[in-house]
Amino acid sequence: MDYSFKKFEGRNVRKEDRITITRSFSVGFPQKFYEDNNIKQYKYVVFYYDESNRAIGIHFINEDTEKNKFTIMHSKEGYGGSVVARSFLKANSIEPLKYHGRYEWTKVEANNIGELFVIDLTSKK
């Protein structure tokens, strides 16, 4: 019998298409989300918050002049990217211990902003 084996090279790789909020005040973009949405081409994110719907909007940008931008930390090993969002989360009373986890996202076109990736927060407690 002839076999056609292919070596598995995805050890410790999260093939996750959801956006993550970590307990350490970061917002993560796992490898699959990162690759599928070409996040590598962006340097920054701008966060938006809808308090009544408890939703976060994430806008990826490259404009160096934006005052309220957060720098994306791109993994050198190709594992995705993340943003330290401590000030955003604290300012909006989003407690990472209560809201950490993986979130499904939707893409919306927002007036005067452009394309936003939106996650609806759900309490883990």
PDB file of N, CA and C in Angstrom:
ATOM      1  N   MET A   1       0.844  -1.175   0.000  1.00  0.00           N
ATOM      2  CA  MET A   1       0.000   0.000   0.000  1.00  0.00           C
ATOM      3  C   MET A   1       0.892   1.243   0.000  1.00  0.00           C
ATOM      4  N   ASP A   2       0.523   2.221  -0.802  1.00  0.00           N
ATOM      5  CA  ASP A   2       1.264   3.479  -0.875  1.00  0.00           C
ATOM      6  C   ASP A   2       0.617   4.514   0.052  1.00  0.00           C
ATOM      7  N   TYR A   3       1.467   5.156   0.836  1.00  0.00           N
ATOM      8  CA  TYR A   3       0.994   6.202   1.744  1.00  0.00           C
ATOM      9  C   TYR A   3       1.554   7.538   1.293  1.00  0.00           C
ATOM     10  N   SER A   4       0.809   8.574   1.578  1.00  0.00           N
ATOM     11  CA  SER A   4       1.259   9.931   1.262  1.00  0.00           C
ATOM     12  C   SER A   4       1.148  10.770   2.527  1.00  0.00           C
ATOM     13  N   PHE A   5       2.100  10.556   3.442  1.00  0.00           N
ATOM     14  CA  PHE A   5       2.070  11.246   4.718  1.00  0.00           C
ATOM     15  C   PHE A   5       2.536  12.681   4.580  1.00  0.00           C
ATOM     16  N   LYS A   6       1.877  13.543   5.336  1.00  0.00           N
ATOM     17  CA  LYS A   6       2.276  14.947   5.409  1.00  0.00           C
ATOM     18  C   LYS A   6       2.539  15.250   6.871  1.00  0.00           C
ATOM     19  N   LYS A   7       3.710  15.794   7.154  1.00  0.00           N
ATOM     20  CA  LYS A   7       4.093  16.108   8.525  1.00  0.00           C
ATOM     21  C   LYS A   7       3.182  17.187   9.103  1.00  0.00           C
ATOM     22  N   PHE A   8       2.697  16.961  10.313  1.00  0.00           N
ATOM     23  CA  PHE A   8       1.890  17.953  11.021  1.00  0.00           C
ATOM     24  C   PHE A   8       2.822  18.976  11.645  1.00  0.00           C
ATOM     25  N   GLU A   9       2.641  20.241  11.285  1.00  0.00           N
ATOM     26  CA  GLU A   9       3.509  21.305  11.785  1.00  0.00           C
ATOM     27  C   GLU A   9       2.722  22.380  12.511  1.00  0.00           C
ATOM     28  N   GLY A  10       1.598  22.018  13.071  1.00  0.00           N
ATOM     29  CA  GLY A  10       0.759  23.004  13.737  1.00  0.00           C
ATOM     30  C   GLY A  10       0.738  22.883  15.246  1.00  0.00           C
ATOM     31  N   ARG A  11       1.741  22.262  15.833  1.00  0.00           N
ATOM     32  CA  ARG A  11       1.772  22.095  17.282  1.00  0.00           C
ATOM     33  C   ARG A  11       1.795  23.457  17.965  1.00  0.00           C
ATOM     34  N   ASN A  12       0.967  23.586  18.983  1.00  0.00           N
ATOM     35  CA  ASN A  12       0.849  24.824  19.767  1.00  0.00           C
ATOM     36  C   ASN A  12       0.348  26.012  18.954  1.00  0.00           C
ATOM     37  N   VAL A  13      -0.313  25.759  17.843  1.00  0.00           N
ATOM     38  CA  VAL A  13      -0.867  26.829  17.030  1.00  0.00           C
ATOM     39  C   VAL A  13      -2.375  26.840  17.222  1.00  0.00           C
ATOM     40  N   ARG A  14      -2.899  28.004  17.558  1.00  0.00           N
ATOM     41  CA  ARG A  14      -4.344  28.123  17.750  1.00  0.00           C
ATOM     42  C   ARG A  14      -4.988  28.516  16.434  1.00  0.00           C
ATOM     43  N   LYS A  15      -5.678  27.598  15.840  1.00  0.00           N
ATOM     44  CA  LYS A  15      -6.412  27.880  14.599  1.00  0.00           C
ATOM     45  C   LYS A  15      -7.788  28.417  14.975  1.00  0.00           C
ATOM     46  N   GLU A  16      -7.772  29.548  15.590  1.00  0.00           N
ATOM     47  CA  GLU A  16      -8.954  30.156  16.184  1.00  0.00           C
ATOM     48  C   GLU A  16      -9.347  31.380  15.372  1.00  0.00           C
ATOM     49  N   ASP A  17     -10.631  31.462  15.024  1.00  0.00           N
ATOM     50  CA  ASP A  17     -11.112  32.604  14.255  1.00  0.00           C
ATOM     51  C   ASP A  17     -11.907  33.565  15.136  1.00  0.00           C
ATOM     52  N   ARG A  18     -11.627  33.547  16.422  1.00  0.00           N
ATOM     53  CA  ARG A  18     -12.322  34.438  17.341  1.00  0.00           C
ATOM     54  C   ARG A  18     -11.322  35.425  17.943  1.00  0.00           C
ATOM     55  N   ILE A  19     -11.834  36.559  18.372  1.00  0.00           N
ATOM     56  CA  ILE A  19     -11.018  37.572  19.035  1.00  0.00           C
ATOM     57  C   ILE A  19     -11.025  37.246  20.522  1.00  0.00           C
ATOM     58  N   THR A  20      -9.879  37.425  21.177  1.00  0.00           N
ATOM     59  CA  THR A  20      -9.726  37.020  22.566  1.00  0.00           C
ATOM     60  C   THR A  20      -9.493  38.224  23.481  1.00  0.00           C
ATOM     61  N   ILE A  21     -10.144  38.200  24.633  1.00  0.00           N
ATOM     62  CA  ILE A  21      -9.821  39.146  25.701  1.00  0.00           C
ATOM     63  C   ILE A  21      -9.147  38.316  26.782  1.00  0.00           C
ATOM     64  N   THR A  22      -7.951  38.733  27.168  1.00  0.00           N
ATOM     65  CA  THR A  22      -7.197  37.970  28.159  1.00  0.00           C
ATOM     66  C   THR A  22      -7.357  38.575  29.548  1.00  0.00           C
ATOM     67  N   ARG A  23      -6.995  37.794  30.534  1.00  0.00           N
ATOM     68  CA  ARG A  23      -7.051  38.270  31.922  1.00  0.00           C
ATOM     69  C   ARG A  23      -5.994  39.332  32.196  1.00  0.00           C
ATOM     70  N   SER A  24      -5.012  39.443  31.312  1.00  0.00           N
ATOM     71  CA  SER A  24      -3.922  40.404  31.516  1.00  0.00           C
ATOM     72  C   SER A  24      -4.125  41.685  30.695  1.00  0.00           C
ATOM     73  N   PHE A  25      -5.401  42.045  30.472  1.00  0.00           N
ATOM     74  CA  PHE A  25      -5.768  43.312  29.826  1.00  0.00           C
ATOM     75  C   PHE A  25      -5.310  43.415  28.370  1.00  0.00           C
ATOM     76  N   SER A  26      -5.269  42.313  27.653  1.00  0.00           N
ATOM     77  CA  SER A  26      -4.906  42.329  26.242  1.00  0.00           C
ATOM     78  C   SER A  26      -6.070  41.860  25.385  1.00  0.00           C
ATOM     79  N   VAL A  27      -6.034  42.278  24.135  1.00  0.00           N
ATOM     80  CA  VAL A  27      -6.971  41.780  23.137  1.00  0.00           C
ATOM     81  C   VAL A  27      -6.127  41.031  22.118  1.00  0.00           C
ATOM     82  N   GLY A  28      -6.457  39.755  21.908  1.00  0.00           N
ATOM     83  CA  GLY A  28      -5.648  38.903  21.051  1.00  0.00           C
ATOM     84  C   GLY A  28      -6.316  38.587  19.730  1.00  0.00           C
ATOM     85  N   PHE A  29      -5.464  38.454  18.729  1.00  0.00           N
ATOM     86  CA  PHE A  29      -5.896  38.097  17.385  1.00  0.00           C
ATOM     87  C   PHE A  29      -5.175  36.811  16.999  1.00  0.00           C
ATOM     88  N   PRO A  30      -5.781  35.643  17.293  1.00  0.00           N
ATOM     89  CA  PRO A  30      -5.138  34.361  17.020  1.00  0.00           C
ATOM     90  C   PRO A  30      -4.797  34.181  15.537  1.00  0.00           C
ATOM     91  N   GLN A  31      -3.939  33.230  15.280  1.00  0.00           N
ATOM     92  CA  GLN A  31      -3.352  33.049  13.956  1.00  0.00           C
ATOM     93  C   GLN A  31      -4.388  33.000  12.825  1.00  0.00           C
ATOM     94  N   LYS A  32      -5.431  32.221  12.963  1.00  0.00           N
ATOM     95  CA  LYS A  32      -6.405  32.103  11.872  1.00  0.00           C
ATOM     96  C   LYS A  32      -7.087  33.439  11.611  1.00  0.00           C
ATOM     97  N   PHE A  33      -7.555  34.113  12.655  1.00  0.00           N
ATOM     98  CA  PHE A  33      -8.168  35.429  12.489  1.00  0.00           C
ATOM     99  C   PHE A  33      -7.164  36.389  11.853  1.00  0.00           C
ATOM    100  N   TYR A  34      -5.953  36.368  12.354  1.00  0.00           N
ATOM    101  CA  TYR A  34      -4.859  37.236  11.900  1.00  0.00           C
ATOM    102  C   TYR A  34      -4.602  37.043  10.409  1.00  0.00           C
ATOM    103  N   GLU A  35      -4.497  35.790   9.997  1.00  0.00           N
ATOM    104  CA  GLU A  35      -4.202  35.488   8.589  1.00  0.00           C
ATOM    105  C   GLU A  35      -5.403  35.757   7.688  1.00  0.00           C
ATOM    106  N   ASP A  36      -6.587  35.285   8.100  1.00  0.00           N
ATOM    107  CA  ASP A  36      -7.786  35.443   7.267  1.00  0.00           C
ATOM    108  C   ASP A  36      -8.136  36.902   7.024  1.00  0.00           C
ATOM    109  N   ASN A  37      -7.828  37.768   7.981  1.00  0.00           N
ATOM    110  CA  ASN A  37      -8.180  39.187   7.855  1.00  0.00           C
ATOM    111  C   ASN A  37      -6.978  40.077   7.549  1.00  0.00           C
ATOM    112  N   ASN A  38      -5.864  39.452   7.203  1.00  0.00           N
ATOM    113  CA  ASN A  38      -4.651  40.160   6.778  1.00  0.00           C
ATOM    114  C   ASN A  38      -4.228  41.249   7.772  1.00  0.00           C
ATOM    115  N   ILE A  39      -4.231  40.908   9.061  1.00  0.00           N
ATOM    116  CA  ILE A  39      -3.895  41.870  10.113  1.00  0.00           C
ATOM    117  C   ILE A  39      -2.428  42.277  10.036  1.00  0.00           C
ATOM    118  N   LYS A  40      -1.605  41.442   9.442  1.00  0.00           N
ATOM    119  CA  LYS A  40      -0.173  41.745   9.315  1.00  0.00           C
ATOM    120  C   LYS A  40       0.073  43.097   8.644  1.00  0.00           C
ATOM    121  N   GLN A  41      -0.829  43.510   7.785  1.00  0.00           N
ATOM    122  CA  GLN A  41      -0.649  44.767   7.049  1.00  0.00           C
ATOM    123  C   GLN A  41      -0.920  46.011   7.904  1.00  0.00           C
ATOM    124  N   TYR A  42      -1.437  45.828   9.120  1.00  0.00           N
ATOM    125  CA  TYR A  42      -1.777  46.968   9.969  1.00  0.00           C
ATOM    126  C   TYR A  42      -0.791  47.135  11.119  1.00  0.00           C
ATOM    127  N   LYS A  43      -0.616  48.401  11.541  1.00  0.00           N
ATOM    128  CA  LYS A  43       0.271  48.715  12.668  1.00  0.00           C
ATOM    129  C   LYS A  43      -0.503  48.945  13.964  1.00  0.00           C
ATOM    130  N   TYR A  44      -1.728  49.442  13.838  1.00  0.00           N
ATOM    131  CA  TYR A  44      -2.461  49.904  15.015  1.00  0.00           C
ATOM    132  C   TYR A  44      -3.924  49.473  14.993  1.00  0.00           C
ATOM    133  N   VAL A  45      -4.571  49.609  16.164  1.00  0.00           N
ATOM    134  CA  VAL A  45      -6.024  49.499  16.262  1.00  0.00           C
ATOM    135  C   VAL A  45      -6.549  50.712  17.023  1.00  0.00           C
ATOM    136  N   VAL A  46      -7.782  51.055  16.731  1.00  0.00           N
ATOM    137  CA  VAL A  46      -8.522  52.051  17.491  1.00  0.00           C
ATOM    138  C   VAL A  46      -9.750  51.317  18.018  1.00  0.00           C
ATOM    139  N   PHE A  47      -9.995  51.448  19.310  1.00  0.00           N
ATOM    140  CA  PHE A  47     -11.131  50.779  19.943  1.00  0.00           C
ATOM    141  C   PHE A  47     -12.313  51.732  20.050  1.00  0.00           C
ATOM    142  N   TYR A  48     -13.504  51.168  19.923  1.00  0.00           N
ATOM    143  CA  TYR A  48     -14.758  51.880  20.120  1.00  0.00           C
ATOM    144  C   TYR A  48     -15.584  51.039  21.084  1.00  0.00           C
ATOM    145  N   TYR A  49     -16.440  51.701  21.852  1.00  0.00           N
ATOM    146  CA  TYR A  49     -17.240  50.963  22.816  1.00  0.00           C
ATOM    147  C   TYR A  49     -18.681  51.436  22.781  1.00  0.00           C
ATOM    148  N   ASP A  50     -19.606  50.505  22.679  1.00  0.00           N
ATOM    149  CA  ASP A  50     -21.040  50.771  22.749  1.00  0.00           C
ATOM    150  C   ASP A  50     -21.511  50.258  24.102  1.00  0.00           C
ATOM    151  N   GLU A  51     -21.662  51.179  25.053  1.00  0.00           N
ATOM    152  CA  GLU A  51     -21.991  50.788  26.426  1.00  0.00           C
ATOM    153  C   GLU A  51     -23.360  50.130  26.540  1.00  0.00           C
ATOM    154  N   SER A  52     -24.354  50.639  25.818  1.00  0.00           N
ATOM    155  CA  SER A  52     -25.704  50.083  25.945  1.00  0.00           C
ATOM    156  C   SER A  52     -25.784  48.643  25.435  1.00  0.00           C
ATOM    157  N   ASN A  53     -24.990  48.301  24.443  1.00  0.00           N
ATOM    158  CA  ASN A  53     -24.982  46.931  23.908  1.00  0.00           C
ATOM    159  C   ASN A  53     -23.806  46.103  24.421  1.00  0.00           C
ATOM    160  N   ARG A  54     -22.962  46.710  25.244  1.00  0.00           N
ATOM    161  CA  ARG A  54     -21.741  46.054  25.748  1.00  0.00           C
ATOM    162  C   ARG A  54     -20.968  45.409  24.591  1.00  0.00           C
ATOM    163  N   ALA A  55     -20.665  46.252  23.604  1.00  0.00           N
ATOM    164  CA  ALA A  55     -19.967  45.778  22.411  1.00  0.00           C
ATOM    165  C   ALA A  55     -18.702  46.591  22.181  1.00  0.00           C
ATOM    166  N   ILE A  56     -17.664  45.903  21.746  1.00  0.00           N
ATOM    167  CA  ILE A  56     -16.396  46.547  21.411  1.00  0.00           C
ATOM    168  C   ILE A  56     -16.235  46.531  19.902  1.00  0.00           C
ATOM    169  N   GLY A  57     -15.869  47.681  19.350  1.00  0.00           N
ATOM    170  CA  GLY A  57     -15.554  47.797  17.931  1.00  0.00           C
ATOM    171  C   GLY A  57     -14.046  47.962  17.782  1.00  0.00           C
ATOM    172  N   ILE A  58     -13.464  47.222  16.859  1.00  0.00           N
ATOM    173  CA  ILE A  58     -12.016  47.268  16.638  1.00  0.00           C
ATOM    174  C   ILE A  58     -11.775  47.688  15.197  1.00  0.00           C
ATOM    175  N   HIS A  59     -11.049  48.796  15.042  1.00  0.00           N
ATOM    176  CA  HIS A  59     -10.754  49.350  13.720  1.00  0.00           C
ATOM    177  C   HIS A  59      -9.242  49.264  13.500  1.00  0.00           C
ATOM    178  N   PHE A  60      -8.826  48.526  12.494  1.00  0.00           N
ATOM    179  CA  PHE A  60      -7.400  48.372  12.179  1.00  0.00           C
ATOM    180  C   PHE A  60      -6.960  49.499  11.257  1.00  0.00           C
ATOM    181  N   ILE A  61      -5.828  50.132  11.604  1.00  0.00           N
ATOM    182  CA  ILE A  61      -5.352  51.297  10.840  1.00  0.00           C
ATOM    183  C   ILE A  61      -3.829  51.273  10.700  1.00  0.00           C
ATOM    184  N   ASN A  62      -3.341  52.203   9.881  1.00  0.00           N
ATOM    185  CA  ASN A  62      -1.903  52.430   9.739  1.00  0.00           C
ATOM    186  C   ASN A  62      -1.529  53.894   9.952  1.00  0.00           C
ATOM    187  N   GLU A  63      -2.498  54.742  10.285  1.00  0.00           N
ATOM    188  CA  GLU A  63      -2.246  56.174  10.423  1.00  0.00           C
ATOM    189  C   GLU A  63      -1.438  56.482  11.676  1.00  0.00           C
ATOM    190  N   ASP A  64      -0.224  56.939  11.483  1.00  0.00           N
ATOM    191  CA  ASP A  64       0.647  57.293  12.603  1.00  0.00           C
ATOM    192  C   ASP A  64       0.131  58.505  13.372  1.00  0.00           C
ATOM    193  N   THR A  65      -0.684  59.336  12.733  1.00  0.00           N
ATOM    194  CA  THR A  65      -1.142  60.578  13.357  1.00  0.00           C
ATOM    195  C   THR A  65      -2.342  60.383  14.282  1.00  0.00           C
ATOM    196  N   GLU A  66      -2.977  59.218  14.265  1.00  0.00           N
ATOM    197  CA  GLU A  66      -4.118  58.956  15.143  1.00  0.00           C
ATOM    198  C   GLU A  66      -3.657  58.978  16.595  1.00  0.00           C
ATOM    199  N   LYS A  67      -4.271  59.834  17.407  1.00  0.00           N
ATOM    200  CA  LYS A  67      -3.846  60.007  18.798  1.00  0.00           C
ATOM    201  C   LYS A  67      -4.279  58.866  19.708  1.00  0.00           C
ATOM    202  N   ASN A  68      -5.376  58.211  19.396  1.00  0.00           N
ATOM    203  CA  ASN A  68      -5.942  57.199  20.287  1.00  0.00           C
ATOM    204  C   ASN A  68      -5.694  55.776  19.814  1.00  0.00           C
ATOM    205  N   LYS A  69      -4.593  55.563  19.154  1.00  0.00           N
ATOM    206  CA  LYS A  69      -4.277  54.245  18.599  1.00  0.00           C
ATOM    207  C   LYS A  69      -3.526  53.386  19.611  1.00  0.00           C
ATOM    208  N   PHE A  70      -3.655  52.084  19.437  1.00  0.00           N
ATOM    209  CA  PHE A  70      -2.919  51.090  20.220  1.00  0.00           C
ATOM    210  C   PHE A  70      -2.066  50.292  19.234  1.00  0.00           C
ATOM    211  N   THR A  71      -0.832  50.047  19.577  1.00  0.00           N
ATOM    212  CA  THR A  71       0.086  49.338  18.690  1.00  0.00           C
ATOM    213  C   THR A  71      -0.167  47.841  18.729  1.00  0.00           C
ATOM    214  N   ILE A  72      -0.221  47.242  17.556  1.00  0.00           N
ATOM    215  CA  ILE A  72      -0.372  45.794  17.453  1.00  0.00           C
ATOM    216  C   ILE A  72       0.999  45.155  17.615  1.00  0.00           C
ATOM    217  N   MET A  73       1.088  44.191  18.506  1.00  0.00           N
ATOM    218  CA  MET A  73       2.314  43.409  18.653  1.00  0.00           C
ATOM    219  C   MET A  73       2.152  42.172  17.774  1.00  0.00           C
ATOM    220  N   HIS A  74       2.940  42.113  16.709  1.00  0.00           N
ATOM    221  CA  HIS A  74       2.873  41.008  15.765  1.00  0.00           C
ATOM    222  C   HIS A  74       3.850  39.919  16.201  1.00  0.00           C
ATOM    223  N   SER A  75       3.371  38.683  16.247  1.00  0.00           N
ATOM    224  CA  SER A  75       4.221  37.560  16.634  1.00  0.00           C
ATOM    225  C   SER A  75       5.277  37.311  15.562  1.00  0.00           C
ATOM    226  N   LYS A  76       6.519  37.211  15.977  1.00  0.00           N
ATOM    227  CA  LYS A  76       7.606  36.912  15.035  1.00  0.00           C
ATOM    228  C   LYS A  76       7.533  35.475  14.543  1.00  0.00           C
ATOM    229  N   GLU A  77       6.881  34.601  15.335  1.00  0.00           N
ATOM    230  CA  GLU A  77       6.755  33.191  14.967  1.00  0.00           C
ATOM    231  C   GLU A  77       5.503  32.919  14.136  1.00  0.00           C
ATOM    232  N   GLY A  78       4.731  33.958  13.819  1.00  0.00           N
ATOM    233  CA  GLY A  78       3.543  33.777  13.002  1.00  0.00           C
ATOM    234  C   GLY A  78       2.318  33.300  13.751  1.00  0.00           C
ATOM    235  N   TYR A  79       2.248  33.559  15.059  1.00  0.00           N
ATOM    236  CA  TYR A  79       1.123  33.087  15.860  1.00  0.00           C
ATOM    237  C   TYR A  79      -0.018  34.100  15.974  1.00  0.00           C
ATOM    238  N   GLY A  80       0.028  35.165  15.245  1.00  0.00           N
ATOM    239  CA  GLY A  80      -1.030  36.170  15.311  1.00  0.00           C
ATOM    240  C   GLY A  80      -0.516  37.468  15.884  1.00  0.00           C
ATOM    241  N   GLY A  81      -1.378  38.168  16.601  1.00  0.00           N
ATOM    242  CA  GLY A  81      -0.987  39.440  17.177  1.00  0.00           C
ATOM    243  C   GLY A  81      -1.844  39.763  18.386  1.00  0.00           C
ATOM    244  N   SER A  82      -1.461  40.837  19.069  1.00  0.00           N
ATOM    245  CA  SER A  82      -2.230  41.257  20.242  1.00  0.00           C
ATOM    246  C   SER A  82      -1.998  42.739  20.509  1.00  0.00           C
ATOM    247  N   VAL A  83      -2.862  43.268  21.353  1.00  0.00           N
ATOM    248  CA  VAL A  83      -2.787  44.678  21.744  1.00  0.00           C
ATOM    249  C   VAL A  83      -2.979  44.740  23.256  1.00  0.00           C
ATOM    250  N   VAL A  84      -2.105  45.481  23.941  1.00  0.00           N
ATOM    251  CA  VAL A  84      -2.312  45.735  25.363  1.00  0.00           C
ATOM    252  C   VAL A  84      -3.345  46.858  25.443  1.00  0.00           C
ATOM    253  N   ALA A  85      -4.520  46.529  26.001  1.00  0.00           N
ATOM    254  CA  ALA A  85      -5.652  47.456  25.988  1.00  0.00           C
ATOM    255  C   ALA A  85      -6.075  47.874  27.389  1.00  0.00           C
ATOM    256  N   ARG A  86      -5.141  47.889  28.304  1.00  0.00           N
ATOM    257  CA  ARG A  86      -5.438  48.191  29.707  1.00  0.00           C
ATOM    258  C   ARG A  86      -6.231  49.493  29.874  1.00  0.00           C
ATOM    259  N   SER A  87      -5.769  50.571  29.277  1.00  0.00           N
ATOM    260  CA  SER A  87      -6.443  51.860  29.473  1.00  0.00           C
ATOM    261  C   SER A  87      -7.851  51.848  28.887  1.00  0.00           C
ATOM    262  N   PHE A  88      -8.037  51.228  27.738  1.00  0.00           N
ATOM    263  CA  PHE A  88      -9.364  51.137  27.134  1.00  0.00           C
ATOM    264  C   PHE A  88     -10.308  50.320  28.013  1.00  0.00           C
ATOM    265  N   LEU A  89      -9.853  49.158  28.452  1.00  0.00           N
ATOM    266  CA  LEU A  89     -10.699  48.284  29.269  1.00  0.00           C
ATOM    267  C   LEU A  89     -11.042  48.936  30.606  1.00  0.00           C
ATOM    268  N   LYS A  90     -10.068  49.545  31.253  1.00  0.00           N
ATOM    269  CA  LYS A  90     -10.315  50.194  32.546  1.00  0.00           C
ATOM    270  C   LYS A  90     -11.258  51.395  32.389  1.00  0.00           C
ATOM    271  N   ALA A  91     -11.041  52.203  31.363  1.00  0.00           N
ATOM    272  CA  ALA A  91     -11.873  53.392  31.151  1.00  0.00           C
ATOM    273  C   ALA A  91     -13.336  53.037  30.933  1.00  0.00           C
ATOM    274  N   ASN A  92     -13.587  51.840  30.402  1.00  0.00           N
ATOM    275  CA  ASN A  92     -14.952  51.417  30.119  1.00  0.00           C
ATOM    276  C   ASN A  92     -15.474  50.377  31.110  1.00  0.00           C
ATOM    277  N   SER A  93     -14.756  50.230  32.229  1.00  0.00           N
ATOM    278  CA  SER A  93     -15.136  49.287  33.286  1.00  0.00           C
ATOM    279  C   SER A  93     -15.372  47.871  32.762  1.00  0.00           C
ATOM    280  N   ILE A  94     -14.511  47.449  31.852  1.00  0.00           N
ATOM    281  CA  ILE A  94     -14.560  46.081  31.328  1.00  0.00           C
ATOM    282  C   ILE A  94     -13.507  45.299  32.100  1.00  0.00           C
ATOM    283  N   GLU A  95     -13.965  44.484  33.029  1.00  0.00           N
ATOM    284  CA  GLU A  95     -13.067  43.733  33.901  1.00  0.00           C
ATOM    285  C   GLU A  95     -12.629  42.444  33.196  1.00  0.00           C
ATOM    286  N   PRO A  96     -11.331  42.294  32.917  1.00  0.00           N
ATOM    287  CA  PRO A  96     -10.852  41.099  32.229  1.00  0.00           C
ATOM    288  C   PRO A  96     -11.195  39.791  32.948  1.00  0.00           C
ATOM    289  N   LEU A  97     -11.197  39.795  34.269  1.00  0.00           N
ATOM    290  CA  LEU A  97     -11.548  38.569  34.986  1.00  0.00           C
ATOM    291  C   LEU A  97     -13.001  38.168  34.750  1.00  0.00           C
ATOM    292  N   LYS A  98     -13.833  39.147  34.469  1.00  0.00           N
ATOM    293  CA  LYS A  98     -15.248  38.892  34.233  1.00  0.00           C
ATOM    294  C   LYS A  98     -15.548  38.633  32.755  1.00  0.00           C
ATOM    295  N   TYR A  99     -14.781  39.251  31.861  1.00  0.00           N
ATOM    296  CA  TYR A  99     -15.088  39.183  30.435  1.00  0.00           C
ATOM    297  C   TYR A  99     -14.022  38.485  29.587  1.00  0.00           C
ATOM    298  N   HIS A 100     -13.050  37.829  30.216  1.00  0.00           N
ATOM    299  CA  HIS A 100     -12.017  37.153  29.426  1.00  0.00           C
ATOM    300  C   HIS A 100     -12.638  36.008  28.621  1.00  0.00           C
ATOM    301  N   GLY A 101     -11.981  35.684  27.531  1.00  0.00           N
ATOM    302  CA  GLY A 101     -12.446  34.566  26.718  1.00  0.00           C
ATOM    303  C   GLY A 101     -12.396  34.875  25.239  1.00  0.00           C
ATOM    304  N   ARG A 102     -12.902  33.930  24.471  1.00  0.00           N
ATOM    305  CA  ARG A 102     -12.902  34.037  23.009  1.00  0.00           C
ATOM    306  C   ARG A 102     -14.282  34.482  22.547  1.00  0.00           C
ATOM    307  N   TYR A 103     -14.295  35.412  21.610  1.00  0.00           N
ATOM    308  CA  TYR A 103     -15.541  35.984  21.140  1.00  0.00           C
ATOM    309  C   TYR A 103     -15.681  35.863  19.628  1.00  0.00           C
ATOM    310  N   GLU A 104     -16.873  35.449  19.207  1.00  0.00           N
ATOM    311  CA  GLU A 104     -17.226  35.505  17.797  1.00  0.00           C
ATOM    312  C   GLU A 104     -17.307  36.984  17.427  1.00  0.00           C
ATOM    313  N   TRP A 105     -17.027  37.294  16.200  1.00  0.00           N
ATOM    314  CA  TRP A 105     -17.046  38.686  15.761  1.00  0.00           C
ATOM    315  C   TRP A 105     -17.918  38.838  14.527  1.00  0.00           C
ATOM    316  N   THR A 106     -18.330  40.062  14.301  1.00  0.00           N
ATOM    317  CA  THR A 106     -19.012  40.416  13.055  1.00  0.00           C
ATOM    318  C   THR A 106     -18.307  41.638  12.497  1.00  0.00           C
ATOM    319  N   LYS A 107     -18.360  41.767  11.211  1.00  0.00           N
ATOM    320  CA  LYS A 107     -17.751  42.914  10.545  1.00  0.00           C
ATOM    321  C   LYS A 107     -18.878  43.850  10.135  1.00  0.00           C
ATOM    322  N   VAL A 108     -18.762  45.118  10.544  1.00  0.00           N
ATOM    323  CA  VAL A 108     -19.777  46.109  10.192  1.00  0.00           C
ATOM    324  C   VAL A 108     -19.101  47.337   9.596  1.00  0.00           C
ATOM    325  N   GLU A 109     -19.846  48.049   8.796  1.00  0.00           N
ATOM    326  CA  GLU A 109     -19.385  49.307   8.226  1.00  0.00           C
ATOM    327  C   GLU A 109     -20.023  50.417   9.043  1.00  0.00           C
ATOM    328  N   ALA A 110     -19.209  51.160   9.789  1.00  0.00           N
ATOM    329  CA  ALA A 110     -19.723  52.210  10.668  1.00  0.00           C
ATOM    330  C   ALA A 110     -19.518  53.581  10.030  1.00  0.00           C
ATOM    331  N   ASN A 111     -20.552  54.412  10.130  1.00  0.00           N
ATOM    332  CA  ASN A 111     -20.473  55.769   9.582  1.00  0.00           C
ATOM    333  C   ASN A 111     -19.309  56.538  10.195  1.00  0.00           C
ATOM    334  N   ASN A 112     -18.577  57.246   9.366  1.00  0.00           N
ATOM    335  CA  ASN A 112     -17.449  58.092   9.768  1.00  0.00           C
ATOM    336  C   ASN A 112     -16.286  57.320  10.387  1.00  0.00           C
ATOM    337  N   ILE A 113     -16.334  55.989  10.384  1.00  0.00           N
ATOM    338  CA  ILE A 113     -15.233  55.202  10.936  1.00  0.00           C
ATOM    339  C   ILE A 113     -14.664  54.285   9.868  1.00  0.00           C
ATOM    340  N   GLY A 114     -15.526  53.499   9.262  1.00  0.00           N
ATOM    341  CA  GLY A 114     -15.102  52.492   8.301  1.00  0.00           C
ATOM    342  C   GLY A 114     -15.403  51.103   8.821  1.00  0.00           C
ATOM    343  N   GLU A 115     -14.576  50.153   8.446  1.00  0.00           N
ATOM    344  CA  GLU A 115     -14.795  48.761   8.814  1.00  0.00           C
ATOM    345  C   GLU A 115     -14.424  48.494  10.267  1.00  0.00           C
ATOM    346  N   LEU A 116     -15.368  47.928  11.018  1.00  0.00           N
ATOM    347  CA  LEU A 116     -15.148  47.577  12.415  1.00  0.00           C
ATOM    348  C   LEU A 116     -15.389  46.086  12.600  1.00  0.00           C
ATOM    349  N   PHE A 117     -14.533  45.467  13.405  1.00  0.00           N
ATOM    350  CA  PHE A 117     -14.763  44.110  13.861  1.00  0.00           C
ATOM    351  C   PHE A 117     -15.419  44.259  15.229  1.00  0.00           C
ATOM    352  N   VAL A 118     -16.623  43.717  15.397  1.00  0.00           N
ATOM    353  CA  VAL A 118     -17.409  43.943  16.607  1.00  0.00           C
ATOM    354  C   VAL A 118     -17.558  42.637  17.385  1.00  0.00           C
ATOM    355  N   ILE A 119     -17.305  42.733  18.695  1.00  0.00           N
ATOM    356  CA  ILE A 119     -17.563  41.601  19.605  1.00  0.00           C
ATOM    357  C   ILE A 119     -18.545  42.063  20.666  1.00  0.00           C
ATOM    358  N   ASP A 120     -19.497  41.191  20.977  1.00  0.00           N
ATOM    359  CA  ASP A 120     -20.480  41.462  22.031  1.00  0.00           C
ATOM    360  C   ASP A 120     -20.019  40.770  23.298  1.00  0.00           C
ATOM    361  N   LEU A 121     -19.790  41.552  24.350  1.00  0.00           N
ATOM    362  CA  LEU A 121     -19.271  41.023  25.599  1.00  0.00           C
ATOM    363  C   LEU A 121     -20.307  40.203  26.357  1.00  0.00           C
ATOM    364  N   THR A 122     -19.842  39.089  26.928  1.00  0.00           N
ATOM    365  CA  THR A 122     -20.701  38.279  27.792  1.00  0.00           C
ATOM    366  C   THR A 122     -19.900  37.980  29.052  1.00  0.00           C
ATOM    367  N   SER A 123     -20.558  38.116  30.184  1.00  0.00           N
ATOM    368  CA  SER A 123     -19.910  37.896  31.462  1.00  0.00           C
ATOM    369  C   SER A 123     -19.618  36.411  31.662  1.00  0.00           C
ATOM    370  N   LYS A 124     -18.435  36.118  32.195  1.00  0.00           N
ATOM    371  CA  LYS A 124     -18.037  34.752  32.458  1.00  0.00           C
ATOM    372  C   LYS A 124     -18.384  34.326  33.883  1.00  0.00           C
ATOM    373  N   LYS A 125     -18.883  35.270  34.696  1.00  0.00           N
ATOM    374  CA  LYS A 125     -19.242  34.967  36.089  1.00  0.00           C
ATOM    375  C   LYS A 125     -20.709  34.732  36.235  1.00  0.00           C
TER     376      LYS A 125
END
